[in-house]
Amino acid sequence: MADTNVFDLDSFDFGEFDSLNTGVNVMRQPVQTPDVADIVTSLKKRAMIVVFVIDISGSMKGARIGAVNDAIRNVLPELKKREKGNTSAEIKVAIMEFSTNARWRTLVPEPVSTFQYKDITDVYGGTNYGKAFEKLNEKLSADQFMSSTAGAYTPLIVFMTDGKPSDMGLYREYLDELKQNKWFRYSTRVGIAIEEGALSADCKRVLTEFTDNEKNVYEAKNTAVLARQIKLVTLTGVDSVTHQGSVQNQHPQSSGSGNSPHQAAGQSAPAAPVVNPSVPAAAETASPTLPIGDIDWDSDFNF
């Protein structure tokens, strides 16, 4: 006579545990551990935005704008390689062109993995820095380019021009407003003075005001040097931002400005560089120095 008190696991009906009515004995299915690679690739990457601000005034016609086009086109594959090798950064590209006025060629920052660069062919007008500063200030905000603020890296901004401001008496007002933008203040900024700009004390002075770091102002005395500098400062800047502890959320909540990398009510706090309490607040505006060092661009540096 069978012992009715013995629990026969193999004959037991597990239907009551089948909440999806699949007919599968869920209690006896093997446990599958996901592959580490699948976990890593599924993690949300932090946005790292590279902004190119390009002078398209009339004097940029010919070899100068051609060198800019070549440099940006050639640096994109290198940025794609860096993104593939970095499990935490999603690199995006934004491009502004300015002359008498300024406009964004990219309405939103575009992922470098799919970005297709179109050469700049139309060059005209003056060199109104103020218009560029105004447009930059508009987009460096939580409801514009910095909308993906949770854990975002601070931006890299590369500003290139071949002359002093046409709006010499007006640009400072726009620059002063831009410097109140905390996304700008925490950004890594580079200025490139091209040919006549490299010979202009006014051009280099304003680029130094823009970066707040004279070591991040470069002189492109010819178009070959220009192409090399654009590529090197872009790649070095991306490496510097993503590899040095700039993904921190250590700042106090801001007072409500949309142009701020601080946490606002109901929002995730974006990243901001680590701030040393012993450094005066005014030093926040200084762009971090790129670790490039002295280079003889004509003979020491080749791609």
C-alpha atoms as a PDB file:
ATOM      1  CA  MET A   1       0.000   0.000   0.000  1.00  0.00           C
ATOM      2  CA  ALA A   2       1.425   3.394  -1.041  1.00  0.00           C
ATOM      3  CA  ASP A   3       2.338   5.831   1.661  1.00  0.00           C
ATOM      4  CA  THR A   4      -0.058   8.752   1.079  1.00  0.00           C
ATOM      5  CA  ASN A   5       2.002  10.972   3.355  1.00  0.00           C
ATOM      6  CA  VAL A   6       5.020  10.979   0.972  1.00  0.00           C
ATOM      7  CA  PHE A   7       5.259  14.171  -1.165  1.00  0.00           C
ATOM      8  CA  ASP A   8       5.971  13.174  -4.798  1.00  0.00           C
ATOM      9  CA  LEU A   9       7.694  16.272  -6.290  1.00  0.00           C
ATOM     10  CA  ASP A  10       7.749  14.848  -9.831  1.00  0.00           C
ATOM     11  CA  SER A  11       4.014  14.260  -9.967  1.00  0.00           C
ATOM     12  CA  PHE A  12       2.955  17.463  -8.263  1.00  0.00           C
ATOM     13  CA  ASP A  13       0.926  19.901 -10.381  1.00  0.00           C
ATOM     14  CA  PHE A  14       2.640  23.291 -10.305  1.00  0.00           C
ATOM     15  CA  GLY A  15      -0.102  24.927 -12.320  1.00  0.00           C
ATOM     16  CA  GLU A  16      -1.050  27.175  -9.430  1.00  0.00           C
ATOM     17  CA  PHE A  17       2.442  28.731  -9.628  1.00  0.00           C
ATOM     18  CA  ASP A  18       2.084  29.393 -13.351  1.00  0.00           C
ATOM     19  CA  SER A  19       0.822  32.967 -13.138  1.00  0.00           C
ATOM     20  CA  LEU A  20       1.230  33.483 -16.914  1.00  0.00           C
ATOM     21  CA  ASN A  21      -0.607  30.248 -17.813  1.00  0.00           C
ATOM     22  CA  THR A  22       2.300  29.007 -19.889  1.00  0.00           C
ATOM     23  CA  GLY A  23       2.029  25.407 -18.722  1.00  0.00           C
ATOM     24  CA  VAL A  24       5.685  25.571 -17.713  1.00  0.00           C
ATOM     25  CA  ASN A  25       6.773  24.381 -14.305  1.00  0.00           C
ATOM     26  CA  VAL A  26       8.435  27.589 -13.237  1.00  0.00           C
ATOM     27  CA  MET A  27       9.722  26.060 -10.027  1.00  0.00           C
ATOM     28  CA  ARG A  28      11.866  23.573 -11.924  1.00  0.00           C
ATOM     29  CA  GLN A  29      13.359  25.867 -14.595  1.00  0.00           C
ATOM     30  CA  PRO A  30      17.147  26.500 -14.581  1.00  0.00           C
ATOM     31  CA  VAL A  31      18.337  29.902 -13.375  1.00  0.00           C
ATOM     32  CA  GLN A  32      20.158  31.833 -16.126  1.00  0.00           C
ATOM     33  CA  THR A  33      22.862  34.300 -15.115  1.00  0.00           C
ATOM     34  CA  PRO A  34      23.262  37.180 -17.613  1.00  0.00           C
ATOM     35  CA  ASP A  35      26.637  37.667 -19.237  1.00  0.00           C
ATOM     36  CA  VAL A  36      28.734  40.499 -17.764  1.00  0.00           C
ATOM     37  CA  ALA A  37      29.157  42.020 -21.233  1.00  0.00           C
ATOM     38  CA  ASP A  38      25.386  42.211 -21.617  1.00  0.00           C
ATOM     39  CA  ILE A  39      25.074  43.978 -18.269  1.00  0.00           C
ATOM     40  CA  VAL A  40      27.750  46.550 -19.164  1.00  0.00           C
ATOM     41  CA  THR A  41      26.275  47.405 -22.548  1.00  0.00           C
ATOM     42  CA  SER A  42      22.802  47.776 -21.061  1.00  0.00           C
ATOM     43  CA  LEU A  43      23.929  50.393 -18.535  1.00  0.00           C
ATOM     44  CA  LYS A  44      22.939  53.954 -19.408  1.00  0.00           C
ATOM     45  CA  LYS A  45      25.965  55.908 -20.533  1.00  0.00           C
ATOM     46  CA  ARG A  46      26.586  59.483 -19.452  1.00  0.00           C
ATOM     47  CA  ALA A  47      26.431  62.168 -22.120  1.00  0.00           C
ATOM     48  CA  MET A  48      29.718  63.859 -23.060  1.00  0.00           C
ATOM     49  CA  ILE A  49      29.024  66.795 -25.393  1.00  0.00           C
ATOM     50  CA  VAL A  50      31.716  68.211 -27.689  1.00  0.00           C
ATOM     51  CA  VAL A  51      30.814  71.691 -28.977  1.00  0.00           C
ATOM     52  CA  PHE A  52      32.611  73.161 -31.999  1.00  0.00           C
ATOM     53  CA  VAL A  53      32.139  76.936 -32.390  1.00  0.00           C
ATOM     54  CA  ILE A  54      33.384  77.829 -35.886  1.00  0.00           C
ATOM     55  CA  ASP A  55      34.118  81.256 -37.364  1.00  0.00           C
ATOM     56  CA  ILE A  56      32.626  81.409 -40.888  1.00  0.00           C
ATOM     57  CA  SER A  57      33.377  85.077 -41.560  1.00  0.00           C
ATOM     58  CA  GLY A  58      34.534  86.101 -45.031  1.00  0.00           C
ATOM     59  CA  SER A  59      38.216  85.836 -44.141  1.00  0.00           C
ATOM     60  CA  MET A  60      37.791  82.082 -43.445  1.00  0.00           C
ATOM     61  CA  LYS A  61      37.195  81.432 -47.138  1.00  0.00           C
ATOM     62  CA  GLY A  62      39.374  78.865 -48.903  1.00  0.00           C
ATOM     63  CA  ALA A  63      42.082  76.882 -47.149  1.00  0.00           C
ATOM     64  CA  ARG A  64      41.038  77.909 -43.644  1.00  0.00           C
ATOM     65  CA  ILE A  65      37.486  76.598 -43.741  1.00  0.00           C
ATOM     66  CA  GLY A  66      38.768  73.639 -45.755  1.00  0.00           C
ATOM     67  CA  ALA A  67      41.177  72.744 -42.945  1.00  0.00           C
ATOM     68  CA  VAL A  68      38.341  72.999 -40.404  1.00  0.00           C
ATOM     69  CA  ASN A  69      36.146  70.707 -42.503  1.00  0.00           C
ATOM     70  CA  ASP A  70      38.949  68.168 -42.930  1.00  0.00           C
ATOM     71  CA  ALA A  71      39.846  68.208 -39.237  1.00  0.00           C
ATOM     72  CA  ILE A  72      36.307  67.650 -37.976  1.00  0.00           C
ATOM     73  CA  ARG A  73      35.615  64.977 -40.593  1.00  0.00           C
ATOM     74  CA  ASN A  74      38.823  63.152 -39.623  1.00  0.00           C
ATOM     75  CA  VAL A  75      38.355  63.418 -35.864  1.00  0.00           C
ATOM     76  CA  LEU A  76      34.889  61.827 -35.866  1.00  0.00           C
ATOM     77  CA  PRO A  77      36.152  58.234 -36.438  1.00  0.00           C
ATOM     78  CA  GLU A  78      38.632  58.733 -33.586  1.00  0.00           C
ATOM     79  CA  LEU A  79      35.828  59.891 -31.302  1.00  0.00           C
ATOM     80  CA  LYS A  80      33.809  56.816 -32.266  1.00  0.00           C
ATOM     81  CA  LYS A  81      36.743  54.608 -31.258  1.00  0.00           C
ATOM     82  CA  ARG A  82      36.994  56.366 -27.918  1.00  0.00           C
ATOM     83  CA  GLU A  83      33.292  55.909 -27.285  1.00  0.00           C
ATOM     84  CA  LYS A  84      33.514  52.183 -28.026  1.00  0.00           C
ATOM     85  CA  GLY A  85      36.422  51.881 -25.617  1.00  0.00           C
ATOM     86  CA  ASN A  86      34.636  53.783 -22.861  1.00  0.00           C
ATOM     87  CA  THR A  87      31.813  51.953 -21.081  1.00  0.00           C
ATOM     88  CA  SER A  88      30.505  55.089 -19.352  1.00  0.00           C
ATOM     89  CA  ALA A  89      30.532  57.899 -21.958  1.00  0.00           C
ATOM     90  CA  GLU A  90      28.172  58.547 -24.839  1.00  0.00           C
ATOM     91  CA  ILE A  91      29.920  61.179 -26.958  1.00  0.00           C
ATOM     92  CA  LYS A  92      27.698  63.694 -28.722  1.00  0.00           C
ATOM     93  CA  VAL A  93      28.583  66.502 -31.143  1.00  0.00           C
ATOM     94  CA  ALA A  94      27.131  69.999 -31.460  1.00  0.00           C
ATOM     95  CA  ILE A  95      28.275  72.555 -34.038  1.00  0.00           C
ATOM     96  CA  MET A  96      27.711  76.307 -34.175  1.00  0.00           C
ATOM     97  CA  GLU A  97      28.840  78.616 -36.975  1.00  0.00           C
ATOM     98  CA  PHE A  98      29.095  82.356 -36.505  1.00  0.00           C
ATOM     99  CA  SER A  99      29.919  85.460 -38.523  1.00  0.00           C
ATOM    100  CA  THR A 100      27.726  88.579 -38.455  1.00  0.00           C
ATOM    101  CA  ASN A 101      25.122  86.343 -36.822  1.00  0.00           C
ATOM    102  CA  ALA A 102      25.316  82.853 -35.304  1.00  0.00           C
ATOM    103  CA  ARG A 103      23.346  79.671 -35.809  1.00  0.00           C
ATOM    104  CA  TRP A 104      23.471  76.035 -34.736  1.00  0.00           C
ATOM    105  CA  ARG A 105      24.090  73.466 -37.454  1.00  0.00           C
ATOM    106  CA  THR A 106      22.909  70.820 -34.997  1.00  0.00           C
ATOM    107  CA  LEU A 107      19.555  71.539 -33.373  1.00  0.00           C
ATOM    108  CA  VAL A 108      20.393  69.025 -30.640  1.00  0.00           C
ATOM    109  CA  PRO A 109      23.682  67.304 -29.774  1.00  0.00           C
ATOM    110  CA  GLU A 110      23.983  64.306 -32.103  1.00  0.00           C
ATOM    111  CA  PRO A 111      25.520  60.940 -31.100  1.00  0.00           C
ATOM    112  CA  VAL A 112      28.954  60.619 -32.661  1.00  0.00           C
ATOM    113  CA  SER A 113      28.134  57.006 -33.556  1.00  0.00           C
ATOM    114  CA  THR A 114      25.631  58.183 -36.192  1.00  0.00           C
ATOM    115  CA  PHE A 115      26.676  61.795 -36.836  1.00  0.00           C
ATOM    116  CA  GLN A 116      27.314  62.729 -40.469  1.00  0.00           C
ATOM    117  CA  TYR A 117      29.328  65.931 -40.885  1.00  0.00           C
ATOM    118  CA  LYS A 118      28.453  68.202 -43.808  1.00  0.00           C
ATOM    119  CA  ASP A 119      31.219  70.521 -44.963  1.00  0.00           C
ATOM    120  CA  ILE A 120      30.801  74.234 -44.382  1.00  0.00           C
ATOM    121  CA  THR A 121      30.858  75.944 -47.769  1.00  0.00           C
ATOM    122  CA  ASP A 122      29.292  79.371 -47.182  1.00  0.00           C
ATOM    123  CA  VAL A 123      31.603  81.884 -45.517  1.00  0.00           C
ATOM    124  CA  TYR A 124      30.633  85.544 -45.260  1.00  0.00           C
ATOM    125  CA  GLY A 125      30.199  88.550 -43.005  1.00  0.00           C
ATOM    126  CA  GLY A 126      31.972  89.822 -39.930  1.00  0.00           C
ATOM    127  CA  THR A 127      33.224  88.191 -36.730  1.00  0.00           C
ATOM    128  CA  ASN A 128      30.667  88.943 -34.038  1.00  0.00           C
ATOM    129  CA  TYR A 129      31.814  87.009 -30.988  1.00  0.00           C
ATOM    130  CA  GLY A 130      28.858  88.329 -28.983  1.00  0.00           C
ATOM    131  CA  LYS A 131      26.363  86.475 -31.187  1.00  0.00           C
ATOM    132  CA  ALA A 132      28.272  83.224 -30.638  1.00  0.00           C
ATOM    133  CA  PHE A 133      28.377  83.775 -26.870  1.00  0.00           C
ATOM    134  CA  GLU A 134      24.639  84.540 -26.827  1.00  0.00           C
ATOM    135  CA  LYS A 135      23.704  81.364 -28.744  1.00  0.00           C
ATOM    136  CA  LEU A 136      26.027  79.263 -26.607  1.00  0.00           C
ATOM    137  CA  ASN A 137      24.444  80.596 -23.428  1.00  0.00           C
ATOM    138  CA  GLU A 138      20.959  79.726 -24.718  1.00  0.00           C
ATOM    139  CA  LYS A 139      21.802  76.087 -25.389  1.00  0.00           C
ATOM    140  CA  LEU A 140      23.858  75.344 -22.284  1.00  0.00           C
ATOM    141  CA  SER A 141      20.730  74.869 -20.204  1.00  0.00           C
ATOM    142  CA  ALA A 142      18.717  72.031 -18.701  1.00  0.00           C
ATOM    143  CA  ASP A 143      15.845  72.497 -21.169  1.00  0.00           C
ATOM    144  CA  GLN A 144      18.156  72.550 -24.201  1.00  0.00           C
ATOM    145  CA  PHE A 145      21.472  70.751 -24.813  1.00  0.00           C
ATOM    146  CA  MET A 146      21.894  69.664 -21.191  1.00  0.00           C
ATOM    147  CA  SER A 147      18.488  67.995 -20.846  1.00  0.00           C
ATOM    148  CA  SER A 148      20.117  64.606 -20.152  1.00  0.00           C
ATOM    149  CA  THR A 149      21.597  65.930 -16.953  1.00  0.00           C
ATOM    150  CA  ALA A 150      21.697  62.789 -14.805  1.00  0.00           C
ATOM    151  CA  GLY A 151      25.389  62.049 -14.415  1.00  0.00           C
ATOM    152  CA  ALA A 152      26.335  64.044 -17.512  1.00  0.00           C
ATOM    153  CA  TYR A 153      29.971  64.889 -18.118  1.00  0.00           C
ATOM    154  CA  THR A 154      30.833  68.558 -18.330  1.00  0.00           C
ATOM    155  CA  PRO A 155      31.056  69.877 -21.934  1.00  0.00           C
ATOM    156  CA  LEU A 156      34.153  70.381 -24.073  1.00  0.00           C
ATOM    157  CA  ILE A 157      33.932  73.615 -26.106  1.00  0.00           C
ATOM    158  CA  VAL A 158      36.363  74.303 -28.973  1.00  0.00           C
ATOM    159  CA  PHE A 159      36.143  77.914 -30.235  1.00  0.00           C
ATOM    160  CA  MET A 160      38.062  78.721 -33.436  1.00  0.00           C
ATOM    161  CA  THR A 161      38.431  82.062 -35.211  1.00  0.00           C
ATOM    162  CA  ASP A 162      40.833  83.911 -37.503  1.00  0.00           C
ATOM    163  CA  GLY A 163      40.334  87.420 -36.196  1.00  0.00           C
ATOM    164  CA  LYS A 164      39.477  89.779 -33.383  1.00  0.00           C
ATOM    165  CA  PRO A 165      35.813  90.546 -32.636  1.00  0.00           C
ATOM    166  CA  SER A 166      34.014  92.822 -35.062  1.00  0.00           C
ATOM    167  CA  ASP A 167      31.806  93.746 -32.111  1.00  0.00           C
ATOM    168  CA  MET A 168      34.702  94.804 -29.900  1.00  0.00           C
ATOM    169  CA  GLY A 169      32.525  97.173 -27.874  1.00  0.00           C
ATOM    170  CA  LEU A 170      29.646  94.712 -27.416  1.00  0.00           C
ATOM    171  CA  TYR A 171      30.954  91.160 -27.006  1.00  0.00           C
ATOM    172  CA  ARG A 172      31.899  91.566 -23.327  1.00  0.00           C
ATOM    173  CA  GLU A 173      28.286  91.965 -22.204  1.00  0.00           C
ATOM    174  CA  TYR A 174      27.395  88.615 -23.779  1.00  0.00           C
ATOM    175  CA  LEU A 175      30.536  86.968 -22.437  1.00  0.00           C
ATOM    176  CA  ASP A 176      29.805  88.213 -18.919  1.00  0.00           C
ATOM    177  CA  GLU A 177      26.313  86.708 -19.136  1.00  0.00           C
ATOM    178  CA  LEU A 178      27.754  83.450 -20.457  1.00  0.00           C
ATOM    179  CA  LYS A 179      30.128  83.262 -17.508  1.00  0.00           C
ATOM    180  CA  GLN A 180      27.129  83.218 -15.162  1.00  0.00           C
ATOM    181  CA  ASN A 181      26.058  79.957 -16.799  1.00  0.00           C
ATOM    182  CA  LYS A 182      27.356  77.181 -14.553  1.00  0.00           C
ATOM    183  CA  TRP A 183      27.479  74.609 -17.337  1.00  0.00           C
ATOM    184  CA  PHE A 184      29.870  76.990 -19.086  1.00  0.00           C
ATOM    185  CA  ARG A 185      31.864  77.672 -15.927  1.00  0.00           C
ATOM    186  CA  TYR A 186      32.458  73.970 -15.363  1.00  0.00           C
ATOM    187  CA  SER A 187      33.216  73.227 -19.024  1.00  0.00           C
ATOM    188  CA  THR A 188      36.628  72.547 -20.564  1.00  0.00           C
ATOM    189  CA  ARG A 189      37.221  75.339 -23.087  1.00  0.00           C
ATOM    190  CA  VAL A 190      39.789  75.743 -25.858  1.00  0.00           C
ATOM    191  CA  GLY A 191      40.429  78.703 -28.145  1.00  0.00           C
ATOM    192  CA  ILE A 192      42.251  78.434 -31.488  1.00  0.00           C
ATOM    193  CA  ALA A 193      43.522  81.653 -33.111  1.00  0.00           C
ATOM    194  CA  ILE A 194      43.941  81.036 -36.859  1.00  0.00           C
ATOM    195  CA  GLU A 195      46.620  82.741 -39.030  1.00  0.00           C
ATOM    196  CA  GLU A 196      45.841  86.505 -38.742  1.00  0.00           C
ATOM    197  CA  GLY A 197      44.134  85.714 -35.456  1.00  0.00           C
ATOM    198  CA  ALA A 198      47.353  84.127 -34.210  1.00  0.00           C
ATOM    199  CA  LEU A 199      49.094  87.440 -34.899  1.00  0.00           C
ATOM    200  CA  SER A 200      46.367  89.547 -33.289  1.00  0.00           C
ATOM    201  CA  ALA A 201      46.851  90.460 -29.645  1.00  0.00           C
ATOM    202  CA  ASP A 202      43.143  91.353 -29.410  1.00  0.00           C
ATOM    203  CA  CYS A 203      42.057  87.973 -30.752  1.00  0.00           C
ATOM    204  CA  LYS A 204      44.241  86.032 -28.310  1.00  0.00           C
ATOM    205  CA  ARG A 205      43.212  88.294 -25.435  1.00  0.00           C
ATOM    206  CA  VAL A 206      39.498  87.656 -25.988  1.00  0.00           C
ATOM    207  CA  LEU A 207      40.075  83.915 -26.403  1.00  0.00           C
ATOM    208  CA  THR A 208      41.910  84.007 -23.075  1.00  0.00           C
ATOM    209  CA  GLU A 209      38.903  85.775 -21.550  1.00  0.00           C
ATOM    210  CA  PHE A 210      36.689  83.046 -23.007  1.00  0.00           C
ATOM    211  CA  THR A 211      38.752  80.164 -21.611  1.00  0.00           C
ATOM    212  CA  ASP A 212      40.038  81.940 -18.491  1.00  0.00           C
ATOM    213  CA  ASN A 213      43.197  79.933 -19.126  1.00  0.00           C
ATOM    214  CA  GLU A 214      45.891  81.229 -21.463  1.00  0.00           C
ATOM    215  CA  LYS A 215      47.356  77.709 -21.711  1.00  0.00           C
ATOM    216  CA  ASN A 216      44.214  76.616 -23.534  1.00  0.00           C
ATOM    217  CA  VAL A 217      44.640  79.235 -26.286  1.00  0.00           C
ATOM    218  CA  TYR A 218      46.493  77.877 -29.323  1.00  0.00           C
ATOM    219  CA  GLU A 219      48.009  79.647 -32.317  1.00  0.00           C
ATOM    220  CA  ALA A 220      47.394  78.044 -35.705  1.00  0.00           C
ATOM    221  CA  LYS A 221      49.884  79.926 -37.829  1.00  0.00           C
ATOM    222  CA  ASN A 222      48.964  77.928 -40.946  1.00  0.00           C
ATOM    223  CA  THR A 223      46.190  75.577 -42.023  1.00  0.00           C
ATOM    224  CA  ALA A 224      48.268  72.420 -41.527  1.00  0.00           C
ATOM    225  CA  VAL A 225      48.778  73.377 -37.892  1.00  0.00           C
ATOM    226  CA  LEU A 226      45.083  74.258 -37.607  1.00  0.00           C
ATOM    227  CA  ALA A 227      43.971  70.760 -38.637  1.00  0.00           C
ATOM    228  CA  ARG A 228      46.405  69.155 -36.183  1.00  0.00           C
ATOM    229  CA  GLN A 229      45.338  71.397 -33.326  1.00  0.00           C
ATOM    230  CA  ILE A 230      41.615  70.774 -33.824  1.00  0.00           C
ATOM    231  CA  LYS A 231      42.182  67.039 -33.769  1.00  0.00           C
ATOM    232  CA  LEU A 232      44.559  66.998 -30.816  1.00  0.00           C
ATOM    233  CA  VAL A 233      42.624  69.353 -28.537  1.00  0.00           C
ATOM    234  CA  THR A 234      39.382  67.501 -29.276  1.00  0.00           C
ATOM    235  CA  LEU A 235      40.749  64.040 -28.495  1.00  0.00           C
ATOM    236  CA  THR A 236      42.799  65.227 -25.522  1.00  0.00           C
ATOM    237  CA  GLY A 237      39.832  67.192 -24.198  1.00  0.00           C
ATOM    238  CA  VAL A 238      37.488  64.199 -24.400  1.00  0.00           C
ATOM    239  CA  ASP A 239      40.054  61.961 -22.691  1.00  0.00           C
ATOM    240  CA  SER A 240      40.662  64.550 -19.984  1.00  0.00           C
ATOM    241  CA  VAL A 241      36.981  65.098 -19.197  1.00  0.00           C
ATOM    242  CA  THR A 242      35.996  61.427 -19.185  1.00  0.00           C
ATOM    243  CA  HIS A 243      39.029  60.060 -17.354  1.00  0.00           C
ATOM    244  CA  GLN A 244      39.432  62.671 -14.614  1.00  0.00           C
ATOM    245  CA  GLY A 245      36.829  62.721 -11.835  1.00  0.00           C
ATOM    246  CA  SER A 246      34.412  65.102 -13.489  1.00  0.00           C
ATOM    247  CA  VAL A 247      31.417  62.834 -13.039  1.00  0.00           C
ATOM    248  CA  GLN A 248      30.547  63.918  -9.518  1.00  0.00           C
ATOM    249  CA  ASN A 249      27.381  65.266  -7.971  1.00  0.00           C
ATOM    250  CA  GLN A 250      28.950  67.151  -5.114  1.00  0.00           C
ATOM    251  CA  HIS A 251      27.540  70.641  -5.554  1.00  0.00           C
ATOM    252  CA  PRO A 252      24.654  72.053  -3.528  1.00  0.00           C
ATOM    253  CA  GLN A 253      21.275  72.581  -5.090  1.00  0.00           C
ATOM    254  CA  SER A 254      21.058  75.702  -7.221  1.00  0.00           C
ATOM    255  CA  SER A 255      18.578  78.512  -6.724  1.00  0.00           C
ATOM    256  CA  GLY A 256      16.534  77.570  -9.765  1.00  0.00           C
ATOM    257  CA  SER A 257      18.535  78.733 -12.786  1.00  0.00           C
ATOM    258  CA  GLY A 258      17.928  76.578 -15.852  1.00  0.00           C
ATOM    259  CA  ASN A 259      21.506  77.266 -16.913  1.00  0.00           C
ATOM    260  CA  SER A 260      22.962  75.258 -14.063  1.00  0.00           C
ATOM    261  CA  PRO A 261      24.569  71.847 -13.641  1.00  0.00           C
ATOM    262  CA  HIS A 262      23.189  71.628 -10.123  1.00  0.00           C
ATOM    263  CA  GLN A 263      20.226  69.609  -9.006  1.00  0.00           C
ATOM    264  CA  ALA A 264      16.837  71.262  -9.298  1.00  0.00           C
ATOM    265  CA  ALA A 265      13.667  70.126  -7.579  1.00  0.00           C
ATOM    266  CA  GLY A 266      12.436  66.819  -8.967  1.00  0.00           C
ATOM    267  CA  GLN A 267      15.476  66.356 -11.226  1.00  0.00           C
ATOM    268  CA  SER A 268      18.472  64.100 -11.043  1.00  0.00           C
ATOM    269  CA  ALA A 269      21.655  65.972 -10.301  1.00  0.00           C
ATOM    270  CA  PRO A 270      24.052  66.164 -13.259  1.00  0.00           C
ATOM    271  CA  ALA A 271      27.755  65.824 -12.958  1.00  0.00           C
ATOM    272  CA  ALA A 272      30.063  68.668 -12.120  1.00  0.00           C
ATOM    273  CA  PRO A 273      33.779  68.780 -11.469  1.00  0.00           C
ATOM    274  CA  VAL A 274      35.033  68.233  -7.968  1.00  0.00           C
ATOM    275  CA  VAL A 275      35.504  71.622  -6.331  1.00  0.00           C
ATOM    276  CA  ASN A 276      38.297  72.270  -3.877  1.00  0.00           C
ATOM    277  CA  PRO A 277      36.804  74.338  -1.024  1.00  0.00           C
ATOM    278  CA  SER A 278      40.143  76.125  -0.615  1.00  0.00           C
ATOM    279  CA  VAL A 279      39.945  77.557  -4.140  1.00  0.00           C
ATOM    280  CA  PRO A 280      38.190  80.937  -4.422  1.00  0.00           C
ATOM    281  CA  ALA A 281      34.785  80.809  -6.116  1.00  0.00           C
ATOM    282  CA  ALA A 282      36.049  83.052  -8.920  1.00  0.00           C
ATOM    283  CA  ALA A 283      38.436  80.277  -9.970  1.00  0.00           C
ATOM    284  CA  GLU A 284      35.433  78.177 -11.030  1.00  0.00           C
ATOM    285  CA  THR A 285      35.427  80.056 -14.340  1.00  0.00           C
ATOM    286  CA  ALA A 286      38.893  78.834 -15.310  1.00  0.00           C
ATOM    287  CA  SER A 287      38.868  76.061 -17.886  1.00  0.00           C
ATOM    288  CA  PRO A 288      40.934  72.994 -16.852  1.00  0.00           C
ATOM    289  CA  THR A 289      44.318  72.972 -18.580  1.00  0.00           C
ATOM    290  CA  LEU A 290      44.580  70.338 -21.279  1.00  0.00           C
ATOM    291  CA  PRO A 291      47.523  67.953 -20.660  1.00  0.00           C
ATOM    292  CA  ILE A 292      49.195  68.664 -23.992  1.00  0.00           C
ATOM    293  CA  GLY A 293      52.408  70.487 -23.131  1.00  0.00           C
ATOM    294  CA  ASP A 294      54.706  72.293 -25.554  1.00  0.00           C
ATOM    295  CA  ILE A 295      54.656  71.028 -29.138  1.00  0.00           C
ATOM    296  CA  ASP A 296      56.569  72.147 -32.188  1.00  0.00           C
ATOM    297  CA  TRP A 297      53.568  71.864 -34.477  1.00  0.00           C
ATOM    298  CA  ASP A 298      55.636  72.125 -37.655  1.00  0.00           C
ATOM    299  CA  SER A 299      57.918  69.182 -36.935  1.00  0.00           C
ATOM    300  CA  ASP A 300      57.064  67.305 -33.727  1.00  0.00           C
ATOM    301  CA  PHE A 301      53.451  66.389 -34.300  1.00  0.00           C
ATOM    302  CA  ASN A 302      52.172  64.350 -37.222  1.00  0.00           C
ATOM    303  CA  PHE A 303      49.069  62.232 -37.813  1.00  0.00           C
END
